[in-house]
Amino acid sequence: MRDDTRAAKRRLLIVEDEAAIRDGLVDVFVYHGYDVTAVADGEAGLAQARRGRFDLVLLDVMLPGLDGFAVCEAIREHDRRQPIIMLTARVADDDIVNGLRLGADDYVAKPFGVQELVLRVDAVLRRVHGPEEAAGTLLAIDDTAVLDCANLAGTIDGVTVSFTRREMDILRYLHRHSSRPVPREELLAEVWGYARELDLETRTVDIHIAKLRRKIERAPRQPARLLTVRGAGYRLVTA
C-alpha cells in the first residue's frame, strides 16, 4: 500500500529564493503527500522544469538571475501544457497581467494563506488530471475560426494560432455553453477547479479572456466572438 501511494504522488517544483518561505512550502506540501523539488533561483528552476516532468510549478516572480516572468515564458516555449502558478508580492496590475500573459495558469499574492494555496494547487491538479474530454475534437467557432483541442492550436481567419492548455479549456467550456453567458465564478469552478466557497479575489479570468481576444478576434477591443455580457459573464458566439 505504501508503495502504491508513493507511486501516485504528484510531483511539485517550487522555485522560491527566500529560504524560510521555500522550506515552509516544502514541509507543507510533503505533509500533504507531494513529491517536492525546491530550488532557489530562476536558472535552476528552468533547468529542473526542462529536465523533469512536474505536475505543477510554483514559481516566485522575484528571483535572482532569471526572474519568474522569464522562467515562465521559457517553460511555455518548451511545454504549453505545464501547469504554473506564480507567487508574487508584486500585485500591481501590470505585473499580474504580464505573468498571465506569459502563460501562467494563475497567481497567488504574498502573503498568502498556506491552506488556500494547498487547495488551489490541489484544484488545478484535479482539473488537469481529470477525465480527458474528447481528445482530438475539432470545434468550430464560426466558418473562419476552428479549434484543434488535442494539439492546443486553431486556425483563426487563415492564421495558425497556438493556445495554452488553460486557454483551450476556457474556449472548450464556453463553446459547450455557448447558448448563455458563463459567470466568472463558474469558470473558476469548472475550468480552474476552484471551490466556490474559496471566494477568491482574482483577475485571472478577466486577464485570460483578454489574452484570448487577442488571439481569436479581428478587433480585440471590439469583440464579435468572445463577448462580455454585463452582470452575467462571458459568452462565446458560435455559428
C-alpha atoms as a PDB file:
ATOM      1  CA  MET A   1       0.000   0.000   0.000  1.00  0.00           C
ATOM      2  CA  ARG A   2       2.796   2.448   0.855  1.00  0.00           C
ATOM      3  CA  ASP A   3       4.480   1.816  -2.467  1.00  0.00           C
ATOM      4  CA  ASP A   4       1.238   2.442  -4.379  1.00  0.00           C
ATOM      5  CA  THR A   5       0.699   5.699  -2.506  1.00  0.00           C
ATOM      6  CA  ARG A   6       4.235   6.812  -3.204  1.00  0.00           C
ATOM      7  CA  ALA A   7       3.888   5.995  -6.892  1.00  0.00           C
ATOM      8  CA  ALA A   8       0.733   8.122  -7.096  1.00  0.00           C
ATOM      9  CA  LYS A   9       2.354  11.218  -5.610  1.00  0.00           C
ATOM     10  CA  ARG A  10       2.119  14.416  -7.613  1.00  0.00           C
ATOM     11  CA  ARG A  11       5.457  15.997  -8.489  1.00  0.00           C
ATOM     12  CA  LEU A  12       5.741  19.640  -7.487  1.00  0.00           C
ATOM     13  CA  LEU A  13       8.544  22.073  -8.389  1.00  0.00           C
ATOM     14  CA  ILE A  14       8.930  25.091  -6.087  1.00  0.00           C
ATOM     15  CA  VAL A  15      11.095  27.978  -7.334  1.00  0.00           C
ATOM     16  CA  GLU A  16      11.471  30.455  -4.455  1.00  0.00           C
ATOM     17  CA  ASP A  17      14.570  32.376  -3.354  1.00  0.00           C
ATOM     18  CA  GLU A  18      13.514  33.162   0.236  1.00  0.00           C
ATOM     19  CA  ALA A  19      14.746  30.194   2.252  1.00  0.00           C
ATOM     20  CA  ALA A  20      12.150  30.468   5.011  1.00  0.00           C
ATOM     21  CA  ILE A  21       9.256  30.506   2.542  1.00  0.00           C
ATOM     22  CA  ARG A  22      10.799  27.782   0.383  1.00  0.00           C
ATOM     23  CA  ASP A  23      11.451  25.459   3.330  1.00  0.00           C
ATOM     24  CA  GLY A  24       7.988  26.117   4.733  1.00  0.00           C
ATOM     25  CA  LEU A  25       6.326  25.295   1.424  1.00  0.00           C
ATOM     26  CA  VAL A  26       8.367  22.109   1.094  1.00  0.00           C
ATOM     27  CA  ASP A  27       7.258  20.981   4.553  1.00  0.00           C
ATOM     28  CA  VAL A  28       3.613  21.801   3.856  1.00  0.00           C
ATOM     29  CA  PHE A  29       3.412  20.036   0.509  1.00  0.00           C
ATOM     30  CA  VAL A  30       5.411  16.998   1.628  1.00  0.00           C
ATOM     31  CA  TYR A  31       2.974  16.727   4.536  1.00  0.00           C
ATOM     32  CA  HIS A  32       0.104  16.794   2.014  1.00  0.00           C
ATOM     33  CA  GLY A  33       1.630  13.928   0.054  1.00  0.00           C
ATOM     34  CA  TYR A  34       3.526  15.673  -2.729  1.00  0.00           C
ATOM     35  CA  ASP A  35       6.918  14.712  -4.123  1.00  0.00           C
ATOM     36  CA  VAL A  36       8.635  18.108  -3.906  1.00  0.00           C
ATOM     37  CA  THR A  37      11.722  19.535  -5.614  1.00  0.00           C
ATOM     38  CA  ALA A  38      12.714  23.046  -4.487  1.00  0.00           C
ATOM     39  CA  VAL A  39      15.314  25.429  -5.915  1.00  0.00           C
ATOM     40  CA  ALA A  40      16.339  28.995  -5.088  1.00  0.00           C
ATOM     41  CA  ASP A  41      16.871  30.781  -8.416  1.00  0.00           C
ATOM     42  CA  GLY A  42      15.465  31.113 -11.901  1.00  0.00           C
ATOM     43  CA  GLU A  43      18.207  29.297 -13.794  1.00  0.00           C
ATOM     44  CA  ALA A  44      17.936  26.241 -11.555  1.00  0.00           C
ATOM     45  CA  GLY A  45      14.156  26.351 -11.776  1.00  0.00           C
ATOM     46  CA  LEU A  46      14.172  26.437 -15.559  1.00  0.00           C
ATOM     47  CA  ALA A  47      16.719  23.616 -15.739  1.00  0.00           C
ATOM     48  CA  GLN A  48      14.574  21.463 -13.430  1.00  0.00           C
ATOM     49  CA  ALA A  49      11.385  22.245 -15.352  1.00  0.00           C
ATOM     50  CA  ARG A  50      13.022  21.229 -18.620  1.00  0.00           C
ATOM     51  CA  ARG A  51      14.676  18.136 -17.200  1.00  0.00           C
ATOM     52  CA  GLY A  52      11.913  16.630 -15.078  1.00  0.00           C
ATOM     53  CA  ARG A  53       8.221  16.134 -15.678  1.00  0.00           C
ATOM     54  CA  PHE A  54       6.390  18.018 -12.922  1.00  0.00           C
ATOM     55  CA  ASP A  55       2.670  18.030 -12.349  1.00  0.00           C
ATOM     56  CA  LEU A  56       2.797  21.694 -11.316  1.00  0.00           C
ATOM     57  CA  VAL A  57       5.334  24.511 -10.916  1.00  0.00           C
ATOM     58  CA  LEU A  58       5.041  27.058  -8.073  1.00  0.00           C
ATOM     59  CA  LEU A  59       7.090  29.956  -9.401  1.00  0.00           C
ATOM     60  CA  ASP A  60       8.068  33.103  -7.499  1.00  0.00           C
ATOM     61  CA  VAL A  61       8.262  36.308  -9.541  1.00  0.00           C
ATOM     62  CA  MET A  62      11.170  37.999  -7.740  1.00  0.00           C
ATOM     63  CA  LEU A  63      14.125  35.679  -8.294  1.00  0.00           C
ATOM     64  CA  PRO A  64      17.873  36.256  -8.627  1.00  0.00           C
ATOM     65  CA  GLY A  65      19.191  35.869 -12.157  1.00  0.00           C
ATOM     66  CA  LEU A  66      16.247  34.962 -14.363  1.00  0.00           C
ATOM     67  CA  ASP A  67      13.093  36.365 -12.816  1.00  0.00           C
ATOM     68  CA  GLY A  68       9.849  34.436 -12.697  1.00  0.00           C
ATOM     69  CA  PHE A  69       8.480  36.102 -15.821  1.00  0.00           C
ATOM     70  CA  ALA A  70      11.464  34.952 -17.891  1.00  0.00           C
ATOM     71  CA  VAL A  71      11.262  31.446 -16.431  1.00  0.00           C
ATOM     72  CA  CYS A  72       7.528  31.216 -17.122  1.00  0.00           C
ATOM     73  CA  GLU A  73       7.990  32.340 -20.719  1.00  0.00           C
ATOM     74  CA  ALA A  74      10.810  29.839 -21.287  1.00  0.00           C
ATOM     75  CA  ILE A  75       8.794  26.978 -19.775  1.00  0.00           C
ATOM     76  CA  ARG A  76       5.852  27.861 -22.024  1.00  0.00           C
ATOM     77  CA  GLU A  77       8.082  27.775 -25.111  1.00  0.00           C
ATOM     78  CA  HIS A  78       9.102  24.269 -24.074  1.00  0.00           C
ATOM     79  CA  ASP A  79       5.721  22.958 -22.862  1.00  0.00           C
ATOM     80  CA  ARG A  80       2.324  24.622 -23.373  1.00  0.00           C
ATOM     81  CA  ARG A  81       0.628  22.077 -21.090  1.00  0.00           C
ATOM     82  CA  GLN A  82       2.703  22.584 -17.925  1.00  0.00           C
ATOM     83  CA  PRO A  83       0.524  23.971 -15.073  1.00  0.00           C
ATOM     84  CA  ILE A  84       2.166  27.040 -13.495  1.00  0.00           C
ATOM     85  CA  ILE A  85       1.048  29.099 -10.505  1.00  0.00           C
ATOM     86  CA  MET A  86       3.047  32.262  -9.869  1.00  0.00           C
ATOM     87  CA  LEU A  87       3.771  33.557  -6.357  1.00  0.00           C
ATOM     88  CA  THR A  88       4.122  37.303  -6.232  1.00  0.00           C
ATOM     89  CA  ALA A  89       4.445  40.160  -3.787  1.00  0.00           C
ATOM     90  CA  ARG A  90       4.114  42.466  -6.802  1.00  0.00           C
ATOM     91  CA  VAL A  91       0.364  42.903  -7.010  1.00  0.00           C
ATOM     92  CA  ALA A  92       0.383  45.816  -9.457  1.00  0.00           C
ATOM     93  CA  ASP A  93      -1.956  45.145 -12.378  1.00  0.00           C
ATOM     94  CA  ASP A  94       0.874  45.254 -14.919  1.00  0.00           C
ATOM     95  CA  ASP A  95       2.793  42.515 -13.090  1.00  0.00           C
ATOM     96  CA  ILE A  96      -0.256  40.260 -12.786  1.00  0.00           C
ATOM     97  CA  VAL A  97      -1.176  40.804 -16.433  1.00  0.00           C
ATOM     98  CA  ASN A  98       2.407  40.120 -17.516  1.00  0.00           C
ATOM     99  CA  GLY A  99       2.621  36.830 -15.626  1.00  0.00           C
ATOM    100  CA  LEU A 100      -0.666  35.540 -17.018  1.00  0.00           C
ATOM    101  CA  ARG A 101       0.120  36.861 -20.499  1.00  0.00           C
ATOM    102  CA  LEU A 102       3.325  34.823 -20.494  1.00  0.00           C
ATOM    103  CA  GLY A 103       1.369  31.662 -19.771  1.00  0.00           C
ATOM    104  CA  ALA A 104       0.865  31.210 -16.020  1.00  0.00           C
ATOM    105  CA  ASP A 105      -2.387  29.457 -15.124  1.00  0.00           C
ATOM    106  CA  ASP A 106      -2.929  31.618 -12.059  1.00  0.00           C
ATOM    107  CA  TYR A 107      -1.182  33.792  -9.486  1.00  0.00           C
ATOM    108  CA  VAL A 108      -1.225  33.910  -5.677  1.00  0.00           C
ATOM    109  CA  ALA A 109      -0.278  37.152  -3.925  1.00  0.00           C
ATOM    110  CA  LYS A 110       2.035  37.192  -0.920  1.00  0.00           C
ATOM    111  CA  PRO A 111       1.380  36.999   1.949  1.00  0.00           C
ATOM    112  CA  PHE A 112      -0.885  34.045   1.282  1.00  0.00           C
ATOM    113  CA  GLY A 113      -2.684  31.558   3.480  1.00  0.00           C
ATOM    114  CA  VAL A 114      -0.973  28.177   3.261  1.00  0.00           C
ATOM    115  CA  GLN A 115      -4.245  26.262   3.339  1.00  0.00           C
ATOM    116  CA  GLU A 116      -5.686  28.305   0.484  1.00  0.00           C
ATOM    117  CA  LEU A 117      -2.530  27.728  -1.568  1.00  0.00           C
ATOM    118  CA  VAL A 118      -2.749  23.963  -0.993  1.00  0.00           C
ATOM    119  CA  LEU A 119      -6.416  23.973  -2.007  1.00  0.00           C
ATOM    120  CA  ARG A 120      -5.648  25.915  -5.172  1.00  0.00           C
ATOM    121  CA  VAL A 121      -2.791  23.599  -6.148  1.00  0.00           C
ATOM    122  CA  ASP A 122      -4.997  20.565  -5.463  1.00  0.00           C
ATOM    123  CA  ALA A 123      -7.788  22.071  -7.559  1.00  0.00           C
ATOM    124  CA  VAL A 124      -5.556  22.763 -10.562  1.00  0.00           C
ATOM    125  CA  LEU A 125      -4.197  19.220 -10.471  1.00  0.00           C
ATOM    126  CA  ARG A 126      -7.634  17.634 -10.126  1.00  0.00           C
ATOM    127  CA  ARG A 127      -8.686  19.527 -13.224  1.00  0.00           C
ATOM    128  CA  VAL A 128      -5.521  18.715 -15.188  1.00  0.00           C
ATOM    129  CA  HIS A 129      -5.609  15.017 -14.307  1.00  0.00           C
ATOM    130  CA  GLY A 130      -9.358  14.580 -14.573  1.00  0.00           C
ATOM    131  CA  PRO A 131     -11.013  12.554 -17.348  1.00  0.00           C
ATOM    132  CA  GLU A 132      -9.919  13.601 -20.811  1.00  0.00           C
ATOM    133  CA  GLU A 133     -12.659  15.280 -22.827  1.00  0.00           C
ATOM    134  CA  ALA A 134     -12.979  14.341 -26.457  1.00  0.00           C
ATOM    135  CA  ALA A 135      -9.280  14.352 -27.237  1.00  0.00           C
ATOM    136  CA  GLY A 136      -8.810  15.227 -30.871  1.00  0.00           C
ATOM    137  CA  THR A 137     -12.058  17.145 -31.176  1.00  0.00           C
ATOM    138  CA  LEU A 138     -12.269  19.982 -33.690  1.00  0.00           C
ATOM    139  CA  LEU A 139     -14.559  22.775 -32.526  1.00  0.00           C
ATOM    140  CA  ALA A 140     -15.841  25.434 -34.902  1.00  0.00           C
ATOM    141  CA  ILE A 141     -16.483  28.888 -33.515  1.00  0.00           C
ATOM    142  CA  ASP A 142     -17.554  30.044 -36.973  1.00  0.00           C
ATOM    143  CA  ASP A 143     -16.618  29.467 -40.608  1.00  0.00           C
ATOM    144  CA  THR A 144     -13.170  31.026 -40.209  1.00  0.00           C
ATOM    145  CA  ALA A 145     -12.282  30.045 -36.642  1.00  0.00           C
ATOM    146  CA  VAL A 146     -11.722  26.359 -35.814  1.00  0.00           C
ATOM    147  CA  LEU A 147     -10.063  24.926 -32.690  1.00  0.00           C
ATOM    148  CA  ASP A 148      -7.925  21.778 -32.613  1.00  0.00           C
ATOM    149  CA  CYS A 149      -8.272  20.830 -28.945  1.00  0.00           C
ATOM    150  CA  ALA A 150      -5.825  17.923 -28.960  1.00  0.00           C
ATOM    151  CA  ASN A 151      -2.966  19.976 -30.382  1.00  0.00           C
ATOM    152  CA  LEU A 152      -3.722  23.209 -28.480  1.00  0.00           C
ATOM    153  CA  ALA A 153      -3.986  25.087 -31.745  1.00  0.00           C
ATOM    154  CA  GLY A 154      -6.505  26.684 -34.031  1.00  0.00           C
ATOM    155  CA  THR A 155      -6.970  28.240 -37.438  1.00  0.00           C
ATOM    156  CA  ILE A 156      -8.261  31.762 -36.952  1.00  0.00           C
ATOM    157  CA  ASP A 157      -9.027  33.757 -40.117  1.00  0.00           C
ATOM    158  CA  GLY A 158      -6.495  31.678 -42.036  1.00  0.00           C
ATOM    159  CA  VAL A 159      -3.735  32.000 -39.428  1.00  0.00           C
ATOM    160  CA  THR A 160      -2.486  29.156 -37.206  1.00  0.00           C
ATOM    161  CA  VAL A 161      -2.648  30.171 -33.542  1.00  0.00           C
ATOM    162  CA  SER A 162      -1.241  28.338 -30.511  1.00  0.00           C
ATOM    163  CA  PHE A 163      -3.028  28.138 -27.162  1.00  0.00           C
ATOM    164  CA  THR A 164      -2.052  27.048 -23.674  1.00  0.00           C
ATOM    165  CA  ARG A 165      -3.949  24.203 -22.044  1.00  0.00           C
ATOM    166  CA  ARG A 166      -5.785  26.702 -19.830  1.00  0.00           C
ATOM    167  CA  GLU A 167      -6.830  28.870 -22.780  1.00  0.00           C
ATOM    168  CA  MET A 168      -8.142  25.856 -24.662  1.00  0.00           C
ATOM    169  CA  ASP A 169     -10.050  24.648 -21.594  1.00  0.00           C
ATOM    170  CA  ILE A 170     -11.747  28.056 -21.343  1.00  0.00           C
ATOM    171  CA  LEU A 171     -12.714  28.073 -25.017  1.00  0.00           C
ATOM    172  CA  ARG A 172     -13.964  24.491 -24.874  1.00  0.00           C
ATOM    173  CA  TYR A 173     -16.135  25.213 -21.831  1.00  0.00           C
ATOM    174  CA  LEU A 174     -17.541  28.416 -23.338  1.00  0.00           C
ATOM    175  CA  HIS A 175     -18.194  26.562 -26.604  1.00  0.00           C
ATOM    176  CA  ARG A 176     -20.123  23.840 -24.778  1.00  0.00           C
ATOM    177  CA  HIS A 177     -22.261  26.500 -23.062  1.00  0.00           C
ATOM    178  CA  SER A 178     -22.443  28.959 -25.957  1.00  0.00           C
ATOM    179  CA  SER A 179     -26.203  29.353 -25.581  1.00  0.00           C
ATOM    180  CA  ARG A 180     -25.718  31.500 -22.481  1.00  0.00           C
ATOM    181  CA  PRO A 181     -23.233  33.797 -20.730  1.00  0.00           C
ATOM    182  CA  VAL A 182     -20.950  31.996 -18.277  1.00  0.00           C
ATOM    183  CA  PRO A 183     -20.199  33.817 -14.986  1.00  0.00           C
ATOM    184  CA  ARG A 184     -16.596  34.283 -13.814  1.00  0.00           C
ATOM    185  CA  GLU A 185     -17.335  32.190 -10.715  1.00  0.00           C
ATOM    186  CA  GLU A 186     -18.473  29.294 -12.888  1.00  0.00           C
ATOM    187  CA  LEU A 187     -15.298  29.441 -14.971  1.00  0.00           C
ATOM    188  CA  LEU A 188     -13.161  29.441 -11.809  1.00  0.00           C
ATOM    189  CA  ALA A 189     -15.069  26.413 -10.531  1.00  0.00           C
ATOM    190  CA  GLU A 190     -15.375  24.414 -13.748  1.00  0.00           C
ATOM    191  CA  VAL A 191     -12.168  25.317 -15.618  1.00  0.00           C
ATOM    192  CA  TRP A 192      -9.727  26.064 -12.778  1.00  0.00           C
ATOM    193  CA  GLY A 193     -11.418  23.617 -10.396  1.00  0.00           C
ATOM    194  CA  TYR A 194     -11.611  26.099  -7.506  1.00  0.00           C
ATOM    195  CA  ALA A 195     -14.316  25.502  -4.923  1.00  0.00           C
ATOM    196  CA  ARG A 196     -16.838  28.324  -4.899  1.00  0.00           C
ATOM    197  CA  GLU A 197     -16.509  28.675  -1.133  1.00  0.00           C
ATOM    198  CA  LEU A 198     -12.915  29.887  -1.568  1.00  0.00           C
ATOM    199  CA  ASP A 199     -14.440  33.276  -2.515  1.00  0.00           C
ATOM    200  CA  LEU A 200     -11.319  34.245  -4.478  1.00  0.00           C
ATOM    201  CA  GLU A 201     -10.434  37.827  -5.254  1.00  0.00           C
ATOM    202  CA  THR A 202      -8.617  37.274  -8.551  1.00  0.00           C
ATOM    203  CA  ARG A 203      -8.444  38.833 -12.007  1.00  0.00           C
ATOM    204  CA  THR A 204      -7.297  35.563 -13.550  1.00  0.00           C
ATOM    205  CA  VAL A 205     -10.446  35.004 -15.602  1.00  0.00           C
ATOM    206  CA  ASP A 206     -10.590  38.553 -16.974  1.00  0.00           C
ATOM    207  CA  ILE A 207      -6.927  38.538 -17.988  1.00  0.00           C
ATOM    208  CA  HIS A 208      -7.237  35.160 -19.719  1.00  0.00           C
ATOM    209  CA  ILE A 209     -10.283  36.439 -21.608  1.00  0.00           C
ATOM    210  CA  ALA A 210      -8.284  39.477 -22.751  1.00  0.00           C
ATOM    211  CA  LYS A 211      -5.495  37.150 -23.952  1.00  0.00           C
ATOM    212  CA  LEU A 212      -7.976  35.016 -25.853  1.00  0.00           C
ATOM    213  CA  ARG A 213      -9.498  38.033 -27.560  1.00  0.00           C
ATOM    214  CA  ARG A 214      -6.086  38.988 -28.894  1.00  0.00           C
ATOM    215  CA  LYS A 215      -5.870  35.511 -30.411  1.00  0.00           C
ATOM    216  CA  ILE A 216      -9.356  34.919 -31.820  1.00  0.00           C
ATOM    217  CA  GLU A 217     -10.777  38.376 -32.545  1.00  0.00           C
ATOM    218  CA  ARG A 218     -10.167  40.505 -35.625  1.00  0.00           C
ATOM    219  CA  ALA A 219     -10.542  43.611 -33.419  1.00  0.00           C
ATOM    220  CA  PRO A 220      -9.898  42.655 -29.769  1.00  0.00           C
ATOM    221  CA  ARG A 221     -11.255  45.978 -28.474  1.00  0.00           C
ATOM    222  CA  GLN A 222     -14.496  45.367 -30.359  1.00  0.00           C
ATOM    223  CA  PRO A 223     -15.030  41.626 -29.847  1.00  0.00           C
ATOM    224  CA  ALA A 224     -17.512  39.776 -32.021  1.00  0.00           C
ATOM    225  CA  ARG A 225     -16.743  36.201 -30.941  1.00  0.00           C
ATOM    226  CA  LEU A 226     -15.978  36.412 -27.212  1.00  0.00           C
ATOM    227  CA  LEU A 227     -18.416  38.838 -25.627  1.00  0.00           C
ATOM    228  CA  THR A 228     -18.779  40.350 -22.171  1.00  0.00           C
ATOM    229  CA  VAL A 229     -22.398  40.250 -21.026  1.00  0.00           C
ATOM    230  CA  ARG A 230     -22.625  42.918 -18.357  1.00  0.00           C
ATOM    231  CA  GLY A 231     -23.546  41.472 -14.980  1.00  0.00           C
ATOM    232  CA  ALA A 232     -23.698  37.920 -16.352  1.00  0.00           C
ATOM    233  CA  GLY A 233     -20.239  36.839 -17.546  1.00  0.00           C
ATOM    234  CA  TYR A 234     -18.740  35.839 -20.896  1.00  0.00           C
ATOM    235  CA  ARG A 235     -20.330  34.287 -23.959  1.00  0.00           C
ATOM    236  CA  LEU A 236     -18.693  32.660 -26.968  1.00  0.00           C
ATOM    237  CA  VAL A 237     -20.692  33.394 -30.121  1.00  0.00           C
ATOM    238  CA  THR A 238     -20.713  30.326 -32.355  1.00  0.00           C
ATOM    239  CA  ALA A 239     -22.142  29.944 -35.851  1.00  0.00           C
END
